[in-house]
Amino acid sequence: MPAYQPSSIGLLGKAFSTSPLENISKPKTPKYLPDPFSKNDIQALLEASDELPESTSQRAKAMILFLLDSGARLSELVNLKYPDIDLKTGRAKIVGKGAKERFIYFGRKTKKSLMAVYIINKT
């Protein structure tokens, strides 16, 4: 498509001094969701954590399960504190982008894994 020429003749035979499309915004490009992990990918992550020393392995497994189960961002997990985790309800309060607080939920496997890490770190 040829570039706009300032003295182009319009449909009605009148010259334009500026482009009639100048004030129209470009359409937004769609944002695509990332592909989810396959069962094999998840299994490989969990098996890789088994190769670490036991206390580190438990912690790595809990982190992997928490991220996959809750949808939390890595930075939110890193800043998570024990008092912000409610193991009874399977809920955690996290601080996200722009210092926004929100609650995220996690399931039984993640809860068991987090409890194991909590017990290891308490002793």
PDB file of N, CA and C in Angstrom:
ATOM      1  N   MET A   1       0.850  -1.164   0.000  1.00  0.00           N
ATOM      2  CA  MET A   1       0.000   0.000   0.000  1.00  0.00           C
ATOM      3  C   MET A   1       0.903   1.237   0.000  1.00  0.00           C
ATOM      4  N   PRO A   2       0.692   2.176  -0.897  1.00  0.00           N
ATOM      5  CA  PRO A   2       1.562   3.349  -0.962  1.00  0.00           C
ATOM      6  C   PRO A   2       1.371   4.245   0.252  1.00  0.00           C
ATOM      7  N   ALA A   3       2.427   4.919   0.623  1.00  0.00           N
ATOM      8  CA  ALA A   3       2.375   5.833   1.767  1.00  0.00           C
ATOM      9  C   ALA A   3       1.462   7.006   1.455  1.00  0.00           C
ATOM     10  N   TYR A   4       0.920   7.612   2.482  1.00  0.00           N
ATOM     11  CA  TYR A   4       0.027   8.761   2.325  1.00  0.00           C
ATOM     12  C   TYR A   4       0.812   9.949   1.770  1.00  0.00           C
ATOM     13  N   GLN A   5       0.259  10.562   0.761  1.00  0.00           N
ATOM     14  CA  GLN A   5       0.859  11.763   0.158  1.00  0.00           C
ATOM     15  C   GLN A   5       0.041  12.972   0.617  1.00  0.00           C
ATOM     16  N   PRO A   6       0.670  13.992   1.221  1.00  0.00           N
ATOM     17  CA  PRO A   6      -0.065  15.113   1.818  1.00  0.00           C
ATOM     18  C   PRO A   6      -1.038  15.826   0.890  1.00  0.00           C
ATOM     19  N   SER A   7      -0.827  15.828  -0.388  1.00  0.00           N
ATOM     20  CA  SER A   7      -1.740  16.563  -1.271  1.00  0.00           C
ATOM     21  C   SER A   7      -2.607  15.617  -2.095  1.00  0.00           C
ATOM     22  N   SER A   8      -2.909  14.436  -1.524  1.00  0.00           N
ATOM     23  CA  SER A   8      -3.732  13.466  -2.243  1.00  0.00           C
ATOM     24  C   SER A   8      -5.134  14.009  -2.457  1.00  0.00           C
ATOM     25  N   ILE A   9      -5.770  13.542  -3.495  1.00  0.00           N
ATOM     26  CA  ILE A   9      -7.137  13.933  -3.797  1.00  0.00           C
ATOM     27  C   ILE A   9      -8.054  12.898  -3.171  1.00  0.00           C
ATOM     28  N   GLY A  10      -9.052  13.355  -2.409  1.00  0.00           N
ATOM     29  CA  GLY A  10      -9.988  12.479  -1.744  1.00  0.00           C
ATOM     30  C   GLY A  10     -11.071  11.992  -2.685  1.00  0.00           C
ATOM     31  N   LEU A  11     -12.027  11.250  -2.135  1.00  0.00           N
ATOM     32  CA  LEU A  11     -13.110  10.685  -2.936  1.00  0.00           C
ATOM     33  C   LEU A  11     -13.968  11.744  -3.613  1.00  0.00           C
ATOM     34  N   LEU A  12     -14.112  12.882  -2.977  1.00  0.00           N
ATOM     35  CA  LEU A  12     -14.962  13.934  -3.529  1.00  0.00           C
ATOM     36  C   LEU A  12     -14.162  14.950  -4.339  1.00  0.00           C
ATOM     37  N   GLY A  13     -12.938  14.641  -4.660  1.00  0.00           N
ATOM     38  CA  GLY A  13     -12.118  15.534  -5.455  1.00  0.00           C
ATOM     39  C   GLY A  13     -11.460  16.643  -4.664  1.00  0.00           C
ATOM     40  N   LYS A  14     -11.528  16.594  -3.323  1.00  0.00           N
ATOM     41  CA  LYS A  14     -10.905  17.615  -2.476  1.00  0.00           C
ATOM     42  C   LYS A  14      -9.563  17.102  -1.974  1.00  0.00           C
ATOM     43  N   ALA A  15      -8.615  18.009  -1.825  1.00  0.00           N
ATOM     44  CA  ALA A  15      -7.286  17.638  -1.328  1.00  0.00           C
ATOM     45  C   ALA A  15      -7.307  17.569   0.193  1.00  0.00           C
ATOM     46  N   PHE A  16      -6.605  16.589   0.739  1.00  0.00           N
ATOM     47  CA  PHE A  16      -6.456  16.461   2.191  1.00  0.00           C
ATOM     48  C   PHE A  16      -5.101  17.024   2.576  1.00  0.00           C
ATOM     49  N   SER A  17      -5.061  17.783   3.681  1.00  0.00           N
ATOM     50  CA  SER A  17      -3.770  18.265   4.167  1.00  0.00           C
ATOM     51  C   SER A  17      -3.178  17.281   5.179  1.00  0.00           C
ATOM     52  N   THR A  18      -4.033  16.493   5.813  1.00  0.00           N
ATOM     53  CA  THR A  18      -3.573  15.447   6.730  1.00  0.00           C
ATOM     54  C   THR A  18      -4.338  14.169   6.405  1.00  0.00           C
ATOM     55  N   SER A  19      -3.833  13.071   6.864  1.00  0.00           N
ATOM     56  CA  SER A  19      -4.466  11.793   6.612  1.00  0.00           C
ATOM     57  C   SER A  19      -5.783  11.699   7.379  1.00  0.00           C
ATOM     58  N   PRO A  20      -6.856  11.282   6.737  1.00  0.00           N
ATOM     59  CA  PRO A  20      -8.127  11.121   7.444  1.00  0.00           C
ATOM     60  C   PRO A  20      -8.080   9.974   8.466  1.00  0.00           C
ATOM     61  N   LEU A  21      -7.089   9.104   8.368  1.00  0.00           N
ATOM     62  CA  LEU A  21      -6.954   7.975   9.294  1.00  0.00           C
ATOM     63  C   LEU A  21      -6.009   8.268  10.450  1.00  0.00           C
ATOM     64  N   GLU A  22      -5.520   9.486  10.506  1.00  0.00           N
ATOM     65  CA  GLU A  22      -4.510   9.849  11.494  1.00  0.00           C
ATOM     66  C   GLU A  22      -4.984   9.664  12.935  1.00  0.00           C
ATOM     67  N   ASN A  23      -6.244   9.929  13.218  1.00  0.00           N
ATOM     68  CA  ASN A  23      -6.755   9.864  14.588  1.00  0.00           C
ATOM     69  C   ASN A  23      -7.385   8.521  14.944  1.00  0.00           C
ATOM     70  N   ILE A  24      -7.315   7.575  14.047  1.00  0.00           N
ATOM     71  CA  ILE A  24      -7.872   6.249  14.316  1.00  0.00           C
ATOM     72  C   ILE A  24      -6.761   5.378  14.897  1.00  0.00           C
ATOM     73  N   SER A  25      -7.056   4.779  16.058  1.00  0.00           N
ATOM     74  CA  SER A  25      -6.037   3.949  16.705  1.00  0.00           C
ATOM     75  C   SER A  25      -5.963   2.582  16.030  1.00  0.00           C
ATOM     76  N   LYS A  26      -4.794   1.991  16.118  1.00  0.00           N
ATOM     77  CA  LYS A  26      -4.571   0.673  15.537  1.00  0.00           C
ATOM     78  C   LYS A  26      -5.263  -0.374  16.396  1.00  0.00           C
ATOM     79  N   PRO A  27      -5.743  -1.449  15.799  1.00  0.00           N
ATOM     80  CA  PRO A  27      -6.368  -2.496  16.619  1.00  0.00           C
ATOM     81  C   PRO A  27      -5.325  -3.158  17.510  1.00  0.00           C
ATOM     82  N   LYS A  28      -5.769  -3.564  18.702  1.00  0.00           N
ATOM     83  CA  LYS A  28      -4.865  -4.238  19.629  1.00  0.00           C
ATOM     84  C   LYS A  28      -4.581  -5.648  19.133  1.00  0.00           C
ATOM     85  N   THR A  29      -3.338  -6.054  19.314  1.00  0.00           N
ATOM     86  CA  THR A  29      -2.995  -7.425  18.963  1.00  0.00           C
ATOM     87  C   THR A  29      -3.514  -8.332  20.080  1.00  0.00           C
ATOM     88  N   PRO A  30      -4.081  -9.463  19.730  1.00  0.00           N
ATOM     89  CA  PRO A  30      -4.642 -10.334  20.769  1.00  0.00           C
ATOM     90  C   PRO A  30      -3.536 -10.911  21.654  1.00  0.00           C
ATOM     91  N   LYS A  31      -3.871 -11.062  22.942  1.00  0.00           N
ATOM     92  CA  LYS A  31      -2.947 -11.693  23.876  1.00  0.00           C
ATOM     93  C   LYS A  31      -3.298 -13.172  23.947  1.00  0.00           C
ATOM     94  N   TYR A  32      -2.311 -13.997  23.723  1.00  0.00           N
ATOM     95  CA  TYR A  32      -2.534 -15.436  23.728  1.00  0.00           C
ATOM     96  C   TYR A  32      -2.184 -16.017  25.088  1.00  0.00           C
ATOM     97  N   LEU A  33      -2.997 -16.942  25.533  1.00  0.00           N
ATOM     98  CA  LEU A  33      -2.718 -17.637  26.783  1.00  0.00           C
ATOM     99  C   LEU A  33      -1.590 -18.640  26.542  1.00  0.00           C
ATOM    100  N   PRO A  34      -0.715 -18.801  27.533  1.00  0.00           N
ATOM    101  CA  PRO A  34       0.347 -19.798  27.359  1.00  0.00           C
ATOM    102  C   PRO A  34      -0.247 -21.205  27.358  1.00  0.00           C
ATOM    103  N   ASP A  35       0.429 -22.117  26.693  1.00  0.00           N
ATOM    104  CA  ASP A  35      -0.015 -23.507  26.690  1.00  0.00           C
ATOM    105  C   ASP A  35       0.198 -24.103  28.078  1.00  0.00           C
ATOM    106  N   PRO A  36      -0.781 -24.844  28.588  1.00  0.00           N
ATOM    107  CA  PRO A  36      -0.605 -25.456  29.913  1.00  0.00           C
ATOM    108  C   PRO A  36       0.423 -26.584  29.844  1.00  0.00           C
ATOM    109  N   PHE A  37       0.972 -26.924  31.003  1.00  0.00           N
ATOM    110  CA  PHE A  37       1.895 -28.043  31.078  1.00  0.00           C
ATOM    111  C   PHE A  37       1.134 -29.340  30.822  1.00  0.00           C
ATOM    112  N   SER A  38       1.775 -30.266  30.163  1.00  0.00           N
ATOM    113  CA  SER A  38       1.180 -31.590  29.991  1.00  0.00           C
ATOM    114  C   SER A  38       1.415 -32.400  31.263  1.00  0.00           C
ATOM    115  N   LYS A  39       0.721 -33.518  31.390  1.00  0.00           N
ATOM    116  CA  LYS A  39       0.933 -34.386  32.553  1.00  0.00           C
ATOM    117  C   LYS A  39       2.378 -34.872  32.596  1.00  0.00           C
ATOM    118  N   ASN A  40       2.954 -35.142  31.422  1.00  0.00           N
ATOM    119  CA  ASN A  40       4.355 -35.584  31.362  1.00  0.00           C
ATOM    120  C   ASN A  40       5.298 -34.487  31.833  1.00  0.00           C
ATOM    121  N   ASP A  41       5.018 -33.230  31.465  1.00  0.00           N
ATOM    122  CA  ASP A  41       5.845 -32.102  31.916  1.00  0.00           C
ATOM    123  C   ASP A  41       5.813 -31.980  33.434  1.00  0.00           C
ATOM    124  N   ILE A  42       4.615 -32.077  33.996  1.00  0.00           N
ATOM    125  CA  ILE A  42       4.461 -31.958  35.452  1.00  0.00           C
ATOM    126  C   ILE A  42       5.178 -33.110  36.148  1.00  0.00           C
ATOM    127  N   GLN A  43       5.008 -34.312  35.616  1.00  0.00           N
ATOM    128  CA  GLN A  43       5.674 -35.478  36.204  1.00  0.00           C
ATOM    129  C   GLN A  43       7.193 -35.311  36.158  1.00  0.00           C
ATOM    130  N   ALA A  44       7.701 -34.782  35.053  1.00  0.00           N
ATOM    131  CA  ALA A  44       9.152 -34.568  34.919  1.00  0.00           C
ATOM    132  C   ALA A  44       9.645 -33.543  35.933  1.00  0.00           C
ATOM    133  N   LEU A  45       8.877 -32.481  36.163  1.00  0.00           N
ATOM    134  CA  LEU A  45       9.260 -31.475  37.165  1.00  0.00           C
ATOM    135  C   LEU A  45       9.310 -32.091  38.557  1.00  0.00           C
ATOM    136  N   LEU A  46       8.296 -32.864  38.898  1.00  0.00           N
ATOM    137  CA  LEU A  46       8.243 -33.469  40.232  1.00  0.00           C
ATOM    138  C   LEU A  46       9.337 -34.522  40.412  1.00  0.00           C
ATOM    139  N   GLU A  47       9.617 -35.293  39.365  1.00  0.00           N
ATOM    140  CA  GLU A  47      10.688 -36.288  39.449  1.00  0.00           C
ATOM    141  C   GLU A  47      12.054 -35.623  39.566  1.00  0.00           C
ATOM    142  N   ALA A  48      12.230 -34.490  38.892  1.00  0.00           N
ATOM    143  CA  ALA A  48      13.500 -33.763  38.987  1.00  0.00           C
ATOM    144  C   ALA A  48      13.728 -33.270  40.414  1.00  0.00           C
ATOM    145  N   SER A  49      12.645 -32.902  41.106  1.00  0.00           N
ATOM    146  CA  SER A  49      12.804 -32.435  42.487  1.00  0.00           C
ATOM    147  C   SER A  49      13.208 -33.582  43.411  1.00  0.00           C
ATOM    148  N   ASP A  50      12.870 -34.823  43.045  1.00  0.00           N
ATOM    149  CA  ASP A  50      13.244 -35.986  43.865  1.00  0.00           C
ATOM    150  C   ASP A  50      14.750 -36.224  43.878  1.00  0.00           C
ATOM    151  N   GLU A  51      15.467 -35.709  42.899  1.00  0.00           N
ATOM    152  CA  GLU A  51      16.916 -35.904  42.817  1.00  0.00           C
ATOM    153  C   GLU A  51      17.690 -34.966  43.753  1.00  0.00           C
ATOM    154  N   LEU A  52      16.997 -34.035  44.383  1.00  0.00           N
ATOM    155  CA  LEU A  52      17.634 -33.095  45.315  1.00  0.00           C
ATOM    156  C   LEU A  52      17.700 -33.728  46.699  1.00  0.00           C
ATOM    157  N   PRO A  53      18.524 -33.158  47.608  1.00  0.00           N
ATOM    158  CA  PRO A  53      18.513 -33.634  49.002  1.00  0.00           C
ATOM    159  C   PRO A  53      17.094 -33.551  49.577  1.00  0.00           C
ATOM    160  N   GLU A  54      16.768 -34.404  50.550  1.00  0.00           N
ATOM    161  CA  GLU A  54      15.384 -34.558  51.013  1.00  0.00           C
ATOM    162  C   GLU A  54      14.699 -33.259  51.420  1.00  0.00           C
ATOM    163  N   SER A  55      15.326 -32.445  52.257  1.00  0.00           N
ATOM    164  CA  SER A  55      14.666 -31.206  52.702  1.00  0.00           C
ATOM    165  C   SER A  55      14.455 -30.244  51.532  1.00  0.00           C
ATOM    166  N   THR A  56      15.420 -30.180  50.636  1.00  0.00           N
ATOM    167  CA  THR A  56      15.300 -29.319  49.460  1.00  0.00           C
ATOM    168  C   THR A  56      14.274 -29.889  48.493  1.00  0.00           C
ATOM    169  N   SER A  57      14.237 -31.201  48.392  1.00  0.00           N
ATOM    170  CA  SER A  57      13.291 -31.871  47.505  1.00  0.00           C
ATOM    171  C   SER A  57      11.846 -31.570  47.912  1.00  0.00           C
ATOM    172  N   GLN A  58      11.571 -31.684  49.212  1.00  0.00           N
ATOM    173  CA  GLN A  58      10.222 -31.391  49.726  1.00  0.00           C
ATOM    174  C   GLN A  58       9.827 -29.945  49.422  1.00  0.00           C
ATOM    175  N   ARG A  59      10.759 -29.058  49.638  1.00  0.00           N
ATOM    176  CA  ARG A  59      10.496 -27.631  49.406  1.00  0.00           C
ATOM    177  C   ARG A  59      10.262 -27.358  47.917  1.00  0.00           C
ATOM    178  N   ALA A  60      11.096 -27.935  47.062  1.00  0.00           N
ATOM    179  CA  ALA A  60      10.949 -27.738  45.617  1.00  0.00           C
ATOM    180  C   ALA A  60       9.616 -28.299  45.134  1.00  0.00           C
ATOM    181  N   LYS A  61       9.248 -29.463  45.632  1.00  0.00           N
ATOM    182  CA  LYS A  61       7.985 -30.080  45.240  1.00  0.00           C
ATOM    183  C   LYS A  61       6.799 -29.215  45.681  1.00  0.00           C
ATOM    184  N   ALA A  62       6.879 -28.689  46.901  1.00  0.00           N
ATOM    185  CA  ALA A  62       5.805 -27.821  47.397  1.00  0.00           C
ATOM    186  C   ALA A  62       5.689 -26.556  46.539  1.00  0.00           C
ATOM    187  N   MET A  63       6.815 -25.995  46.159  1.00  0.00           N
ATOM    188  CA  MET A  63       6.796 -24.790  45.328  1.00  0.00           C
ATOM    189  C   MET A  63       6.203 -25.084  43.948  1.00  0.00           C
ATOM    190  N   ILE A  64       6.611 -26.197  43.347  1.00  0.00           N
ATOM    191  CA  ILE A  64       6.092 -26.574  42.030  1.00  0.00           C
ATOM    192  C   ILE A  64       4.583 -26.782  42.100  1.00  0.00           C
ATOM    193  N   LEU A  65       4.130 -27.550  43.097  1.00  0.00           N
ATOM    194  CA  LEU A  65       2.701 -27.804  43.241  1.00  0.00           C
ATOM    195  C   LEU A  65       1.927 -26.516  43.499  1.00  0.00           C
ATOM    196  N   PHE A  66       2.486 -25.637  44.340  1.00  0.00           N
ATOM    197  CA  PHE A  66       1.809 -24.373  44.648  1.00  0.00           C
ATOM    198  C   PHE A  66       1.645 -23.525  43.386  1.00  0.00           C
ATOM    199  N   LEU A  67       2.704 -23.401  42.610  1.00  0.00           N
ATOM    200  CA  LEU A  67       2.639 -22.596  41.383  1.00  0.00           C
ATOM    201  C   LEU A  67       1.645 -23.186  40.384  1.00  0.00           C
ATOM    202  N   LEU A  68       1.687 -24.494  40.194  1.00  0.00           N
ATOM    203  CA  LEU A  68       0.800 -25.131  39.226  1.00  0.00           C
ATOM    204  C   LEU A  68      -0.654 -25.120  39.687  1.00  0.00           C
ATOM    205  N   ASP A  69      -0.859 -25.312  40.966  1.00  0.00           N
ATOM    206  CA  ASP A  69      -2.213 -25.424  41.511  1.00  0.00           C
ATOM    207  C   ASP A  69      -2.910 -24.068  41.643  1.00  0.00           C
ATOM    208  N   SER A  70      -2.163 -23.050  42.015  1.00  0.00           N
ATOM    209  CA  SER A  70      -2.772 -21.751  42.319  1.00  0.00           C
ATOM    210  C   SER A  70      -2.736 -20.764  41.158  1.00  0.00           C
ATOM    211  N   GLY A  71      -1.787 -20.940  40.259  1.00  0.00           N
ATOM    212  CA  GLY A  71      -1.641 -19.959  39.181  1.00  0.00           C
ATOM    213  C   GLY A  71      -0.884 -18.726  39.619  1.00  0.00           C
ATOM    214  N   ALA A  72      -0.243 -18.782  40.775  1.00  0.00           N
ATOM    215  CA  ALA A  72       0.525 -17.647  41.270  1.00  0.00           C
ATOM    216  C   ALA A  72       1.753 -17.415  40.393  1.00  0.00           C
ATOM    217  N   ARG A  73       2.202 -16.186  40.372  1.00  0.00           N
ATOM    218  CA  ARG A  73       3.443 -15.855  39.669  1.00  0.00           C
ATOM    219  C   ARG A  73       4.622 -16.232  40.569  1.00  0.00           C
ATOM    220  N   LEU A  74       5.769 -16.467  39.955  1.00  0.00           N
ATOM    221  CA  LEU A  74       6.959 -16.830  40.721  1.00  0.00           C
ATOM    222  C   LEU A  74       7.314 -15.738  41.725  1.00  0.00           C
ATOM    223  N   SER A  75       7.227 -14.479  41.320  1.00  0.00           N
ATOM    224  CA  SER A  75       7.556 -13.373  42.227  1.00  0.00           C
ATOM    225  C   SER A  75       6.599 -13.342  43.420  1.00  0.00           C
ATOM    226  N   GLU A  76       5.344 -13.766  43.211  1.00  0.00           N
ATOM    227  CA  GLU A  76       4.380 -13.810  44.317  1.00  0.00           C
ATOM    228  C   GLU A  76       4.740 -14.925  45.285  1.00  0.00           C
ATOM    229  N   LEU A  77       5.203 -16.038  44.765  1.00  0.00           N
ATOM    230  CA  LEU A  77       5.626 -17.146  45.618  1.00  0.00           C
ATOM    231  C   LEU A  77       6.856 -16.767  46.431  1.00  0.00           C
ATOM    232  N   VAL A  78       7.805 -16.111  45.796  1.00  0.00           N
ATOM    233  CA  VAL A  78       9.046 -15.728  46.475  1.00  0.00           C
ATOM    234  C   VAL A  78       8.753 -14.797  47.656  1.00  0.00           C
ATOM    235  N   ASN A  79       7.764 -13.936  47.513  1.00  0.00           N
ATOM    236  CA  ASN A  79       7.432 -12.966  48.568  1.00  0.00           C
ATOM    237  C   ASN A  79       6.408 -13.484  49.566  1.00  0.00           C
ATOM    238  N   LEU A  80       5.969 -14.729  49.418  1.00  0.00           N
ATOM    239  CA  LEU A  80       4.966 -15.309  50.302  1.00  0.00           C
ATOM    240  C   LEU A  80       5.569 -15.604  51.674  1.00  0.00           C
ATOM    241  N   LYS A  81       4.833 -15.284  52.725  1.00  0.00           N
ATOM    242  CA  LYS A  81       5.265 -15.523  54.106  1.00  0.00           C
ATOM    243  C   LYS A  81       4.355 -16.585  54.735  1.00  0.00           C
ATOM    244  N   TYR A  82       4.881 -17.343  55.716  1.00  0.00           N
ATOM    245  CA  TYR A  82       4.077 -18.375  56.372  1.00  0.00           C
ATOM    246  C   TYR A  82       2.758 -17.850  56.940  1.00  0.00           C
ATOM    247  N   PRO A  83       2.745 -16.674  57.608  1.00  0.00           N
ATOM    248  CA  PRO A  83       1.460 -16.200  58.152  1.00  0.00           C
ATOM    249  C   PRO A  83       0.398 -15.920  57.076  1.00  0.00           C
ATOM    250  N   ASP A  84       0.821 -15.782  55.832  1.00  0.00           N
ATOM    251  CA  ASP A  84      -0.131 -15.503  54.757  1.00  0.00           C
ATOM    252  C   ASP A  84      -0.767 -16.769  54.181  1.00  0.00           C
ATOM    253  N   ILE A  85      -0.330 -17.944  54.655  1.00  0.00           N
ATOM    254  CA  ILE A  85      -0.854 -19.216  54.157  1.00  0.00           C
ATOM    255  C   ILE A  85      -1.797 -19.808  55.192  1.00  0.00           C
ATOM    256  N   ASP A  86      -3.016 -20.103  54.779  1.00  0.00           N
ATOM    257  CA  ASP A  86      -3.998 -20.747  55.651  1.00  0.00           C
ATOM    258  C   ASP A  86      -4.175 -22.185  55.169  1.00  0.00           C
ATOM    259  N   LEU A  87      -3.536 -23.117  55.876  1.00  0.00           N
ATOM    260  CA  LEU A  87      -3.571 -24.513  55.458  1.00  0.00           C
ATOM    261  C   LEU A  87      -4.934 -25.162  55.709  1.00  0.00           C
ATOM    262  N   LYS A  88      -5.718 -24.624  56.628  1.00  0.00           N
ATOM    263  CA  LYS A  88      -7.056 -25.187  56.885  1.00  0.00           C
ATOM    264  C   LYS A  88      -7.979 -24.963  55.691  1.00  0.00           C
ATOM    265  N   THR A  89      -7.946 -23.769  55.135  1.00  0.00           N
ATOM    266  CA  THR A  89      -8.860 -23.437  54.035  1.00  0.00           C
ATOM    267  C   THR A  89      -8.218 -23.614  52.665  1.00  0.00           C
ATOM    268  N   GLY A  90      -6.903 -23.821  52.613  1.00  0.00           N
ATOM    269  CA  GLY A  90      -6.215 -23.945  51.330  1.00  0.00           C
ATOM    270  C   GLY A  90      -6.190 -22.621  50.593  1.00  0.00           C
ATOM    271  N   ARG A  91      -5.892 -21.572  51.345  1.00  0.00           N
ATOM    272  CA  ARG A  91      -5.914 -20.218  50.785  1.00  0.00           C
ATOM    273  C   ARG A  91      -4.646 -19.474  51.201  1.00  0.00           C
ATOM    274  N   ALA A  92      -4.147 -18.635  50.315  1.00  0.00           N
ATOM    275  CA  ALA A  92      -2.977 -17.816  50.628  1.00  0.00           C
ATOM    276  C   ALA A  92      -3.220 -16.389  50.159  1.00  0.00           C
ATOM    277  N   LYS A  93      -2.738 -15.449  50.948  1.00  0.00           N
ATOM    278  CA  LYS A  93      -2.827 -14.040  50.564  1.00  0.00           C
ATOM    279  C   LYS A  93      -1.496 -13.659  49.933  1.00  0.00           C
ATOM    280  N   ILE A  94      -1.556 -13.203  48.709  1.00  0.00           N
ATOM    281  CA  ILE A  94      -0.332 -12.823  48.022  1.00  0.00           C
ATOM    282  C   ILE A  94      -0.399 -11.369  47.584  1.00  0.00           C
ATOM    283  N   VAL A  95       0.771 -10.798  47.396  1.00  0.00           N
ATOM    284  CA  VAL A  95       0.879  -9.433  46.893  1.00  0.00           C
ATOM    285  C   VAL A  95       1.377  -9.530  45.466  1.00  0.00           C
ATOM    286  N   GLY A  96       0.565  -9.055  44.541  1.00  0.00           N
ATOM    287  CA  GLY A  96       0.890  -9.174  43.132  1.00  0.00           C
ATOM    288  C   GLY A  96       1.428  -7.889  42.545  1.00  0.00           C
ATOM    289  N   LYS A  97       1.259  -7.775  41.236  1.00  0.00           N
ATOM    290  CA  LYS A  97       1.729  -6.592  40.509  1.00  0.00           C
ATOM    291  C   LYS A  97       1.060  -5.334  41.070  1.00  0.00           C
ATOM    292  N   GLY A  98       1.826  -4.272  41.168  1.00  0.00           N
ATOM    293  CA  GLY A  98       1.283  -3.010  41.661  1.00  0.00           C
ATOM    294  C   GLY A  98       0.907  -3.068  43.127  1.00  0.00           C
ATOM    295  N   ALA A  99       1.508  -3.962  43.883  1.00  0.00           N
ATOM    296  CA  ALA A  99       1.266  -4.129  45.320  1.00  0.00           C
ATOM    297  C   ALA A  99      -0.202  -4.448  45.626  1.00  0.00           C
ATOM    298  N   LYS A 100      -0.888  -5.104  44.689  1.00  0.00           N
ATOM    299  CA  LYS A 100      -2.284  -5.493  44.897  1.00  0.00           C
ATOM    300  C   LYS A 100      -2.332  -6.811  45.647  1.00  0.00           C
ATOM    301  N   GLU A 101      -3.113  -6.847  46.711  1.00  0.00           N
ATOM    302  CA  GLU A 101      -3.282  -8.077  47.477  1.00  0.00           C
ATOM    303  C   GLU A 101      -4.458  -8.858  46.914  1.00  0.00           C
ATOM    304  N   ARG A 102      -4.299 -10.169  46.877  1.00  0.00           N
ATOM    305  CA  ARG A 102      -5.397 -11.035  46.445  1.00  0.00           C
ATOM    306  C   ARG A 102      -5.240 -12.394  47.110  1.00  0.00           C
ATOM    307  N   PHE A 103      -6.327 -13.137  47.133  1.00  0.00           N
ATOM    308  CA  PHE A 103      -6.307 -14.477  47.685  1.00  0.00           C
ATOM    309  C   PHE A 103      -6.280 -15.484  46.541  1.00  0.00           C
ATOM    310  N   ILE A 104      -5.482 -16.518  46.737  1.00  0.00           N
ATOM    311  CA  ILE A 104      -5.448 -17.618  45.783  1.00  0.00           C
ATOM    312  C   ILE A 104      -5.701 -18.910  46.562  1.00  0.00           C
ATOM    313  N   TYR A 105      -6.193 -19.904  45.871  1.00  0.00           N
ATOM    314  CA  TYR A 105      -6.556 -21.156  46.522  1.00  0.00           C
ATOM    315  C   TYR A 105      -5.748 -22.309  45.940  1.00  0.00           C
ATOM    316  N   PHE A 106      -5.537 -23.325  46.771  1.00  0.00           N
ATOM    317  CA  PHE A 106      -4.780 -24.498  46.347  1.00  0.00           C
ATOM    318  C   PHE A 106      -5.449 -25.747  46.904  1.00  0.00           C
ATOM    319  N   GLY A 107      -5.152 -26.887  46.288  1.00  0.00           N
ATOM    320  CA  GLY A 107      -5.810 -28.144  46.620  1.00  0.00           C
ATOM    321  C   GLY A 107      -5.113 -28.965  47.691  1.00  0.00           C
ATOM    322  N   ARG A 108      -5.626 -30.200  47.881  1.00  0.00           N
ATOM    323  CA  ARG A 108      -5.156 -31.076  48.959  1.00  0.00           C
ATOM    324  C   ARG A 108      -3.707 -31.509  48.809  1.00  0.00           C
ATOM    325  N   LYS A 109      -3.285 -31.861  47.585  1.00  0.00           N
ATOM    326  CA  LYS A 109      -1.896 -32.301  47.395  1.00  0.00           C
ATOM    327  C   LYS A 109      -0.927 -31.175  47.747  1.00  0.00           C
ATOM    328  N   THR A 110      -1.254 -29.984  47.312  1.00  0.00           N
ATOM    329  CA  THR A 110      -0.406 -28.826  47.610  1.00  0.00           C
ATOM    330  C   THR A 110      -0.409 -28.563  49.109  1.00  0.00           C
ATOM    331  N   LYS A 111      -1.571 -28.686  49.726  1.00  0.00           N
ATOM    332  CA  LYS A 111      -1.694 -28.462  51.166  1.00  0.00           C
ATOM    333  C   LYS A 111      -0.821 -29.450  51.943  1.00  0.00           C
ATOM    334  N   LYS A 112      -0.865 -30.737  51.565  1.00  0.00           N
ATOM    335  CA  LYS A 112      -0.038 -31.750  52.227  1.00  0.00           C
ATOM    336  C   LYS A 112       1.441 -31.453  52.049  1.00  0.00           C
ATOM    337  N   SER A 113       1.806 -31.047  50.858  1.00  0.00           N
ATOM    338  CA  SER A 113       3.202 -30.739  50.564  1.00  0.00           C
ATOM    339  C   SER A 113       3.683 -29.526  51.363  1.00  0.00           C
ATOM    340  N   LEU A 114       2.828 -28.509  51.458  1.00  0.00           N
ATOM    341  CA  LEU A 114       3.185 -27.313  52.244  1.00  0.00           C
ATOM    342  C   LEU A 114       3.292 -27.649  53.728  1.00  0.00           C
ATOM    343  N   MET A 115       2.408 -28.528  54.209  1.00  0.00           N
ATOM    344  CA  MET A 115       2.473 -28.941  55.621  1.00  0.00           C
ATOM    345  C   MET A 115       3.789 -29.652  55.907  1.00  0.00           C
ATOM    346  N   ALA A 116       4.229 -30.522  54.997  1.00  0.00           N
ATOM    347  CA  ALA A 116       5.487 -31.245  55.173  1.00  0.00           C
ATOM    348  C   ALA A 116       6.656 -30.274  55.248  1.00  0.00           C
ATOM    349  N   VAL A 117       6.655 -29.271  54.405  1.00  0.00           N
ATOM    350  CA  VAL A 117       7.742 -28.279  54.420  1.00  0.00           C
ATOM    351  C   VAL A 117       7.697 -27.478  55.711  1.00  0.00           C
ATOM    352  N   TYR A 118       6.490 -27.131  56.149  1.00  0.00           N
ATOM    353  CA  TYR A 118       6.339 -26.369  57.395  1.00  0.00           C
ATOM    354  C   TYR A 118       6.878 -27.162  58.580  1.00  0.00           C
ATOM    355  N   ILE A 119       6.583 -28.446  58.624  1.00  0.00           N
ATOM    356  CA  ILE A 119       7.057 -29.306  59.727  1.00  0.00           C
ATOM    357  C   ILE A 119       8.582 -29.432  59.678  1.00  0.00           C
ATOM    358  N   ILE A 120       9.154 -29.629  58.498  1.00  0.00           N
ATOM    359  CA  ILE A 120      10.605 -29.728  58.353  1.00  0.00           C
ATOM    360  C   ILE A 120      11.286 -28.443  58.818  1.00  0.00           C
ATOM    361  N   ASN A 121      10.748 -27.302  58.449  1.00  0.00           N
ATOM    362  CA  ASN A 121      11.362 -26.026  58.809  1.00  0.00           C
ATOM    363  C   ASN A 121      11.168 -25.646  60.271  1.00  0.00           C
ATOM    364  N   LYS A 122      10.139 -26.202  60.919  1.00  0.00           N
ATOM    365  CA  LYS A 122       9.919 -25.909  62.330  1.00  0.00           C
ATOM    366  C   LYS A 122      10.881 -26.669  63.224  1.00  0.00           C
ATOM    367  N   THR A 123      11.352 -27.829  62.749  1.00  0.00           N
ATOM    368  CA  THR A 123      12.226 -28.669  63.589  1.00  0.00           C
ATOM    369  C   THR A 123      13.682 -28.304  63.384  1.00  0.00           C
TER     370      THR A 123
END
